[in-house]
């Protein structure tokens, strides 16, 4: 198994909170969100600890040009990690940039492995499922009146080797579309649902570090309750 981590965001909402949060948080300004300390480790290092206990052989982390050096430094301690620069230097959508699906498509091209895509978001895709938890529809950030489902789907997907070729088909079909229509990985899942069986794996809970309050809650939880990763990962 190989993994792609989507870490090219700029965390602008959290950055603004940190800048206005007083002296207690000044030392965190300028740190990419995945590298913020959570408990005794950077946030992303908790993922690495979980990956190292599995059969994953390669990990690709896609970041932006601004934070690329910081991730390169962090990755020195992990032989399996490769850092990919998406070339962007600001948060605004840039017409000339590659869609993020295109970025991970280029990373995984010619491979026949499963990938996991993970990115923290504030608003989610909503899944509609049947009684067997097969996805019947995925709506990308719908309003509450567009669906009765409340199955929120963070950007964490596992694709089989038989599904991977469809990424290129999706990109080819969307080659003339606006960047917004092909940038969010959720759009690919929505496109995939009528073409391949897609199933849900429910989880009991998660932390979404999107602003200062959620960061403090998550960090406090790990400081007070997670003293060893071995117990946490059991």
C-alpha atoms as a PDB file:
ATOM      1  CA  UNK A   1       0.000   0.000   0.000  1.00  0.00           C
ATOM      2  CA  UNK A   2       1.113   3.549  -0.734  1.00  0.00           C
ATOM      3  CA  UNK A   3      -0.218   6.776   0.758  1.00  0.00           C
ATOM      4  CA  UNK A   4      -0.698  10.316  -0.496  1.00  0.00           C
ATOM      5  CA  UNK A   5      -1.250  13.010   2.136  1.00  0.00           C
ATOM      6  CA  UNK A   6      -2.731  16.253   0.866  1.00  0.00           C
ATOM      7  CA  UNK A   7      -0.994  18.930   2.914  1.00  0.00           C
ATOM      8  CA  UNK A   8      -0.820  21.838   0.474  1.00  0.00           C
ATOM      9  CA  UNK A   9      -3.275  24.103   2.309  1.00  0.00           C
ATOM     10  CA  UNK A  10      -2.211  27.348   3.959  1.00  0.00           C
ATOM     11  CA  UNK A  11      -4.318  27.128   7.136  1.00  0.00           C
ATOM     12  CA  UNK A  12      -5.322  30.777   6.778  1.00  0.00           C
ATOM     13  CA  UNK A  13      -8.129  30.660   9.334  1.00  0.00           C
ATOM     14  CA  UNK A  14      -5.936  29.066  11.985  1.00  0.00           C
ATOM     15  CA  UNK A  15      -3.024  31.401  11.131  1.00  0.00           C
ATOM     16  CA  UNK A  16      -5.226  34.435  11.706  1.00  0.00           C
ATOM     17  CA  UNK A  17      -6.328  33.010  15.071  1.00  0.00           C
ATOM     18  CA  UNK A  18      -2.719  32.366  16.095  1.00  0.00           C
ATOM     19  CA  UNK A  19      -1.682  35.890  15.146  1.00  0.00           C
ATOM     20  CA  UNK A  20      -4.494  37.294  17.292  1.00  0.00           C
ATOM     21  CA  UNK A  21      -4.172  34.739  20.080  1.00  0.00           C
ATOM     22  CA  UNK A  22      -1.635  36.539  22.217  1.00  0.00           C
ATOM     23  CA  UNK A  23       1.890  35.674  23.345  1.00  0.00           C
ATOM     24  CA  UNK A  24       0.955  32.101  24.243  1.00  0.00           C
ATOM     25  CA  UNK A  25       0.618  31.147  20.593  1.00  0.00           C
ATOM     26  CA  UNK A  26       3.125  33.435  18.845  1.00  0.00           C
ATOM     27  CA  UNK A  27       5.706  30.643  18.558  1.00  0.00           C
ATOM     28  CA  UNK A  28       3.273  28.656  16.391  1.00  0.00           C
ATOM     29  CA  UNK A  29       2.879  31.350  13.706  1.00  0.00           C
ATOM     30  CA  UNK A  30       4.479  30.209  10.456  1.00  0.00           C
ATOM     31  CA  UNK A  31       4.292  26.499  11.243  1.00  0.00           C
ATOM     32  CA  UNK A  32       2.276  24.513   8.668  1.00  0.00           C
ATOM     33  CA  UNK A  33      -0.844  23.036  10.257  1.00  0.00           C
ATOM     34  CA  UNK A  34       0.295  19.393   9.806  1.00  0.00           C
ATOM     35  CA  UNK A  35       3.480  20.233  11.722  1.00  0.00           C
ATOM     36  CA  UNK A  36       1.790  21.913  14.694  1.00  0.00           C
ATOM     37  CA  UNK A  37       2.579  20.154  17.982  1.00  0.00           C
ATOM     38  CA  UNK A  38      -0.221  17.883  19.164  1.00  0.00           C
ATOM     39  CA  UNK A  39       0.693  16.455  22.525  1.00  0.00           C
ATOM     40  CA  UNK A  40       4.335  15.460  22.235  1.00  0.00           C
ATOM     41  CA  UNK A  41       4.581  15.186  18.434  1.00  0.00           C
ATOM     42  CA  UNK A  42       3.746  17.193  15.312  1.00  0.00           C
ATOM     43  CA  UNK A  43       0.219  16.434  14.157  1.00  0.00           C
ATOM     44  CA  UNK A  44       1.374  14.550  11.074  1.00  0.00           C
ATOM     45  CA  UNK A  45       3.819  12.427  13.070  1.00  0.00           C
ATOM     46  CA  UNK A  46       0.865  10.729  14.743  1.00  0.00           C
ATOM     47  CA  UNK A  47      -0.196   9.586  11.272  1.00  0.00           C
ATOM     48  CA  UNK A  48       3.327   8.412  10.579  1.00  0.00           C
ATOM     49  CA  UNK A  49       3.314   6.291  13.714  1.00  0.00           C
ATOM     50  CA  UNK A  50       0.123   4.607  12.514  1.00  0.00           C
ATOM     51  CA  UNK A  51       1.483   4.106   8.993  1.00  0.00           C
ATOM     52  CA  UNK A  52       4.663   2.506  10.308  1.00  0.00           C
ATOM     53  CA  UNK A  53       2.590  -0.215  11.961  1.00  0.00           C
ATOM     54  CA  UNK A  54       1.026  -1.211   8.627  1.00  0.00           C
ATOM     55  CA  UNK A  55       2.165  -2.582   5.270  1.00  0.00           C
ATOM     56  CA  UNK A  56       2.578   0.881   3.733  1.00  0.00           C
ATOM     57  CA  UNK A  57       5.827   1.148   1.785  1.00  0.00           C
ATOM     58  CA  UNK A  58       5.836   4.703   0.378  1.00  0.00           C
ATOM     59  CA  UNK A  59       4.303   7.958   1.587  1.00  0.00           C
ATOM     60  CA  UNK A  60       3.954  11.045  -0.595  1.00  0.00           C
ATOM     61  CA  UNK A  61       3.152  14.353   1.077  1.00  0.00           C
ATOM     62  CA  UNK A  62       1.947  17.091  -1.278  1.00  0.00           C
ATOM     63  CA  UNK A  63       2.644  20.568   0.054  1.00  0.00           C
ATOM     64  CA  UNK A  64       2.861  24.096  -1.315  1.00  0.00           C
ATOM     65  CA  UNK A  65       6.043  25.884  -2.344  1.00  0.00           C
ATOM     66  CA  UNK A  66       6.000  28.142   0.715  1.00  0.00           C
ATOM     67  CA  UNK A  67       6.062  25.292   3.232  1.00  0.00           C
ATOM     68  CA  UNK A  68       8.105  22.845   1.173  1.00  0.00           C
ATOM     69  CA  UNK A  69      11.409  23.471   3.072  1.00  0.00           C
ATOM     70  CA  UNK A  70       9.741  22.890   6.456  1.00  0.00           C
ATOM     71  CA  UNK A  71       8.309  19.546   5.337  1.00  0.00           C
ATOM     72  CA  UNK A  72      11.627  18.554   3.765  1.00  0.00           C
ATOM     73  CA  UNK A  73      13.316  19.130   7.128  1.00  0.00           C
ATOM     74  CA  UNK A  74      10.622  17.173   8.974  1.00  0.00           C
ATOM     75  CA  UNK A  75      10.834  14.261   6.515  1.00  0.00           C
ATOM     76  CA  UNK A  76      14.549  13.671   7.162  1.00  0.00           C
ATOM     77  CA  UNK A  77      13.567  11.308   9.971  1.00  0.00           C
ATOM     78  CA  UNK A  78      11.307   9.183   7.732  1.00  0.00           C
ATOM     79  CA  UNK A  79      12.924   7.216   4.928  1.00  0.00           C
ATOM     80  CA  UNK A  80       9.587   6.281   3.347  1.00  0.00           C
ATOM     81  CA  UNK A  81       8.394   9.885   2.928  1.00  0.00           C
ATOM     82  CA  UNK A  82       8.728  11.840  -0.307  1.00  0.00           C
ATOM     83  CA  UNK A  83       7.728  15.529  -0.339  1.00  0.00           C
ATOM     84  CA  UNK A  84       6.003  16.853  -3.479  1.00  0.00           C
ATOM     85  CA  UNK A  85       5.852  20.617  -4.151  1.00  0.00           C
ATOM     86  CA  UNK A  86       2.610  21.670  -5.879  1.00  0.00           C
ATOM     87  CA  UNK A  87       4.233  24.962  -6.933  1.00  0.00           C
ATOM     88  CA  UNK A  88       1.735  27.344  -5.319  1.00  0.00           C
ATOM     89  CA  UNK A  89       2.805  30.257  -3.117  1.00  0.00           C
ATOM     90  CA  UNK A  90      -0.547  31.651  -2.021  1.00  0.00           C
ATOM     91  CA  UNK A  91      -3.940  30.367  -0.949  1.00  0.00           C
ATOM     92  CA  UNK A  92      -6.047  31.817  -3.758  1.00  0.00           C
ATOM     93  CA  UNK A  93      -7.164  29.502  -6.572  1.00  0.00           C
ATOM     94  CA  UNK A  94      -4.698  29.942  -9.425  1.00  0.00           C
ATOM     95  CA  UNK A  95      -5.885  29.006 -12.927  1.00  0.00           C
ATOM     96  CA  UNK A  96      -2.416  27.868 -13.977  1.00  0.00           C
ATOM     97  CA  UNK A  97      -1.917  25.423 -11.156  1.00  0.00           C
ATOM     98  CA  UNK A  98      -2.579  21.724 -11.462  1.00  0.00           C
ATOM     99  CA  UNK A  99      -5.726  20.394  -9.824  1.00  0.00           C
ATOM    100  CA  UNK A 100      -4.848  18.460  -6.688  1.00  0.00           C
ATOM    101  CA  UNK A 101      -6.292  15.315  -8.258  1.00  0.00           C
ATOM    102  CA  UNK A 102      -3.877  15.864 -11.122  1.00  0.00           C
ATOM    103  CA  UNK A 103      -1.011  16.200  -8.665  1.00  0.00           C
ATOM    104  CA  UNK A 104      -1.684  12.877  -6.991  1.00  0.00           C
ATOM    105  CA  UNK A 105      -2.463  11.306 -10.337  1.00  0.00           C
ATOM    106  CA  UNK A 106       1.056  12.138 -11.475  1.00  0.00           C
ATOM    107  CA  UNK A 107       2.455  10.742  -8.244  1.00  0.00           C
ATOM    108  CA  UNK A 108       0.661   7.421  -8.530  1.00  0.00           C
ATOM    109  CA  UNK A 109       0.809   6.944 -12.315  1.00  0.00           C
ATOM    110  CA  UNK A 110       2.002   3.469 -13.351  1.00  0.00           C
ATOM    111  CA  UNK A 111       1.609   2.131  -9.806  1.00  0.00           C
ATOM    112  CA  UNK A 112      -0.804  -0.662  -8.913  1.00  0.00           C
ATOM    113  CA  UNK A 113      -1.309   0.025  -5.232  1.00  0.00           C
ATOM    114  CA  UNK A 114      -4.050   1.443  -3.063  1.00  0.00           C
ATOM    115  CA  UNK A 115      -3.720   5.033  -1.881  1.00  0.00           C
ATOM    116  CA  UNK A 116      -5.075   6.917   1.087  1.00  0.00           C
ATOM    117  CA  UNK A 117      -5.906  10.597   0.632  1.00  0.00           C
ATOM    118  CA  UNK A 118      -6.222  12.693   3.721  1.00  0.00           C
ATOM    119  CA  UNK A 119      -6.812  16.365   4.209  1.00  0.00           C
ATOM    120  CA  UNK A 120      -8.477  18.292   6.977  1.00  0.00           C
ATOM    121  CA  UNK A 121     -11.486  20.373   5.880  1.00  0.00           C
ATOM    122  CA  UNK A 122     -14.108  22.521   7.568  1.00  0.00           C
ATOM    123  CA  UNK A 123     -17.117  21.650   5.381  1.00  0.00           C
ATOM    124  CA  UNK A 124     -17.471  18.104   4.155  1.00  0.00           C
ATOM    125  CA  UNK A 125     -18.864  16.027   1.408  1.00  0.00           C
ATOM    126  CA  UNK A 126     -22.056  14.285   2.554  1.00  0.00           C
ATOM    127  CA  UNK A 127     -22.607  10.614   1.746  1.00  0.00           C
ATOM    128  CA  UNK A 128     -25.957   8.973   1.075  1.00  0.00           C
ATOM    129  CA  UNK A 129     -25.868   5.203   1.595  1.00  0.00           C
ATOM    130  CA  UNK A 130     -28.067   2.130   1.443  1.00  0.00           C
ATOM    131  CA  UNK A 131     -28.592  -0.309   4.328  1.00  0.00           C
ATOM    132  CA  UNK A 132     -25.346  -2.131   3.424  1.00  0.00           C
ATOM    133  CA  UNK A 133     -23.352   1.121   3.677  1.00  0.00           C
ATOM    134  CA  UNK A 134     -22.780   1.261  -0.055  1.00  0.00           C
ATOM    135  CA  UNK A 135     -22.617   4.873  -1.176  1.00  0.00           C
ATOM    136  CA  UNK A 136     -25.489   5.841  -3.456  1.00  0.00           C
ATOM    137  CA  UNK A 137     -24.478   9.500  -3.767  1.00  0.00           C
ATOM    138  CA  UNK A 138     -21.844  11.929  -2.535  1.00  0.00           C
ATOM    139  CA  UNK A 139     -22.728  15.592  -2.433  1.00  0.00           C
ATOM    140  CA  UNK A 140     -19.812  18.002  -2.219  1.00  0.00           C
ATOM    141  CA  UNK A 141     -20.522  20.443   0.625  1.00  0.00           C
ATOM    142  CA  UNK A 142     -24.314  20.573   0.161  1.00  0.00           C
ATOM    143  CA  UNK A 143     -26.692  22.815   2.075  1.00  0.00           C
ATOM    144  CA  UNK A 144     -28.849  21.100   4.696  1.00  0.00           C
ATOM    145  CA  UNK A 145     -31.927  21.213   2.460  1.00  0.00           C
ATOM    146  CA  UNK A 146     -30.196  19.341  -0.385  1.00  0.00           C
ATOM    147  CA  UNK A 147     -29.935  16.044   1.487  1.00  0.00           C
ATOM    148  CA  UNK A 148     -31.364  14.346   4.565  1.00  0.00           C
ATOM    149  CA  UNK A 149     -28.123  12.468   5.191  1.00  0.00           C
ATOM    150  CA  UNK A 150     -25.746  13.606   7.905  1.00  0.00           C
ATOM    151  CA  UNK A 151     -22.912  11.216   6.986  1.00  0.00           C
ATOM    152  CA  UNK A 152     -19.973  13.627   6.828  1.00  0.00           C
ATOM    153  CA  UNK A 153     -17.033  12.381   4.791  1.00  0.00           C
ATOM    154  CA  UNK A 154     -13.567  13.780   5.511  1.00  0.00           C
ATOM    155  CA  UNK A 155     -11.042  13.522   2.698  1.00  0.00           C
ATOM    156  CA  UNK A 156      -9.827  10.027   3.589  1.00  0.00           C
ATOM    157  CA  UNK A 157     -10.233   7.599   0.723  1.00  0.00           C
ATOM    158  CA  UNK A 158      -8.837   4.166  -0.076  1.00  0.00           C
ATOM    159  CA  UNK A 159      -8.757   3.301  -3.779  1.00  0.00           C
ATOM    160  CA  UNK A 160      -8.209  -0.195  -5.137  1.00  0.00           C
ATOM    161  CA  UNK A 161      -5.776  -0.869  -7.960  1.00  0.00           C
ATOM    162  CA  UNK A 162      -8.747  -1.431 -10.282  1.00  0.00           C
ATOM    163  CA  UNK A 163     -10.079   2.037  -9.517  1.00  0.00           C
ATOM    164  CA  UNK A 164      -6.855   3.996  -9.979  1.00  0.00           C
ATOM    165  CA  UNK A 165      -7.039   4.136 -13.803  1.00  0.00           C
ATOM    166  CA  UNK A 166     -10.348   5.990 -13.483  1.00  0.00           C
ATOM    167  CA  UNK A 167      -8.514   8.996 -12.041  1.00  0.00           C
ATOM    168  CA  UNK A 168      -7.029   9.640 -15.474  1.00  0.00           C
ATOM    169  CA  UNK A 169     -10.431   9.107 -17.092  1.00  0.00           C
ATOM    170  CA  UNK A 170     -11.953  11.657 -14.713  1.00  0.00           C
ATOM    171  CA  UNK A 171      -9.229  14.208 -15.470  1.00  0.00           C
ATOM    172  CA  UNK A 172      -9.603  13.677 -19.192  1.00  0.00           C
ATOM    173  CA  UNK A 173     -13.353  14.204 -18.971  1.00  0.00           C
ATOM    174  CA  UNK A 174     -12.852  17.358 -16.886  1.00  0.00           C
ATOM    175  CA  UNK A 175      -9.871  18.757 -18.813  1.00  0.00           C
ATOM    176  CA  UNK A 176     -11.807  21.826 -19.975  1.00  0.00           C
ATOM    177  CA  UNK A 177     -13.684  22.338 -16.699  1.00  0.00           C
ATOM    178  CA  UNK A 178     -12.991  25.116 -14.214  1.00  0.00           C
ATOM    179  CA  UNK A 179     -10.304  24.315 -11.636  1.00  0.00           C
ATOM    180  CA  UNK A 180     -12.944  24.229  -8.863  1.00  0.00           C
ATOM    181  CA  UNK A 181     -14.711  21.318 -10.580  1.00  0.00           C
ATOM    182  CA  UNK A 182     -11.667  19.060 -10.506  1.00  0.00           C
ATOM    183  CA  UNK A 183      -9.557  20.325  -7.627  1.00  0.00           C
ATOM    184  CA  UNK A 184     -11.460  18.875  -4.652  1.00  0.00           C
ATOM    185  CA  UNK A 185     -10.979  15.085  -4.389  1.00  0.00           C
ATOM    186  CA  UNK A 186     -14.611  14.788  -3.341  1.00  0.00           C
ATOM    187  CA  UNK A 187     -15.639  15.614  -6.899  1.00  0.00           C
ATOM    188  CA  UNK A 188     -13.806  12.511  -8.070  1.00  0.00           C
ATOM    189  CA  UNK A 189     -15.633  10.357  -5.519  1.00  0.00           C
ATOM    190  CA  UNK A 190     -18.975  11.807  -6.626  1.00  0.00           C
ATOM    191  CA  UNK A 191     -18.076  10.938 -10.219  1.00  0.00           C
ATOM    192  CA  UNK A 192     -16.911   7.465  -9.175  1.00  0.00           C
ATOM    193  CA  UNK A 193     -20.031   6.387  -7.245  1.00  0.00           C
ATOM    194  CA  UNK A 194     -22.191   5.465 -10.285  1.00  0.00           C
ATOM    195  CA  UNK A 195     -19.237   3.699 -11.920  1.00  0.00           C
ATOM    196  CA  UNK A 196     -17.764   1.552  -9.136  1.00  0.00           C
ATOM    197  CA  UNK A 197     -18.955   0.167  -5.780  1.00  0.00           C
ATOM    198  CA  UNK A 198     -18.004   2.630  -3.039  1.00  0.00           C
ATOM    199  CA  UNK A 199     -18.508   1.757   0.634  1.00  0.00           C
ATOM    200  CA  UNK A 200     -18.391   3.637   3.922  1.00  0.00           C
ATOM    201  CA  UNK A 201     -16.244   2.673   6.889  1.00  0.00           C
ATOM    202  CA  UNK A 202     -17.757   4.469   9.914  1.00  0.00           C
ATOM    203  CA  UNK A 203     -15.424   5.992  12.510  1.00  0.00           C
ATOM    204  CA  UNK A 204     -16.313   6.909  16.076  1.00  0.00           C
ATOM    205  CA  UNK A 205     -14.846  10.413  16.064  1.00  0.00           C
ATOM    206  CA  UNK A 206     -12.054  12.671  14.920  1.00  0.00           C
ATOM    207  CA  UNK A 207     -10.415  16.029  15.558  1.00  0.00           C
ATOM    208  CA  UNK A 208     -10.680  18.703  12.880  1.00  0.00           C
ATOM    209  CA  UNK A 209      -7.977  21.277  13.596  1.00  0.00           C
ATOM    210  CA  UNK A 210      -9.377  24.224  11.680  1.00  0.00           C
ATOM    211  CA  UNK A 211      -9.148  27.131  14.111  1.00  0.00           C
ATOM    212  CA  UNK A 212      -7.431  27.987  17.394  1.00  0.00           C
ATOM    213  CA  UNK A 213     -10.205  26.623  19.593  1.00  0.00           C
ATOM    214  CA  UNK A 214     -10.190  23.220  17.885  1.00  0.00           C
ATOM    215  CA  UNK A 215      -6.383  23.145  18.018  1.00  0.00           C
ATOM    216  CA  UNK A 216      -6.362  23.793  21.774  1.00  0.00           C
ATOM    217  CA  UNK A 217      -8.994  21.088  22.370  1.00  0.00           C
ATOM    218  CA  UNK A 218      -7.063  18.527  20.320  1.00  0.00           C
ATOM    219  CA  UNK A 219      -3.688  19.408  21.835  1.00  0.00           C
ATOM    220  CA  UNK A 220      -5.080  19.286  25.375  1.00  0.00           C
ATOM    221  CA  UNK A 221      -6.653  15.881  24.753  1.00  0.00           C
ATOM    222  CA  UNK A 222      -3.356  14.386  23.614  1.00  0.00           C
ATOM    223  CA  UNK A 223      -1.364  16.035  26.404  1.00  0.00           C
ATOM    224  CA  UNK A 224      -3.696  14.781  29.104  1.00  0.00           C
ATOM    225  CA  UNK A 225      -4.786  11.387  27.778  1.00  0.00           C
ATOM    226  CA  UNK A 226      -2.285  10.085  25.220  1.00  0.00           C
ATOM    227  CA  UNK A 227       0.951   9.429  27.042  1.00  0.00           C
ATOM    228  CA  UNK A 228       2.260   6.685  24.760  1.00  0.00           C
ATOM    229  CA  UNK A 229       1.481   6.109  21.105  1.00  0.00           C
ATOM    230  CA  UNK A 230       1.540   2.363  21.658  1.00  0.00           C
ATOM    231  CA  UNK A 231      -1.616   2.584  23.784  1.00  0.00           C
ATOM    232  CA  UNK A 232      -3.234   5.090  21.432  1.00  0.00           C
ATOM    233  CA  UNK A 233      -2.728   2.878  18.360  1.00  0.00           C
ATOM    234  CA  UNK A 234      -3.971  -0.371  19.884  1.00  0.00           C
END
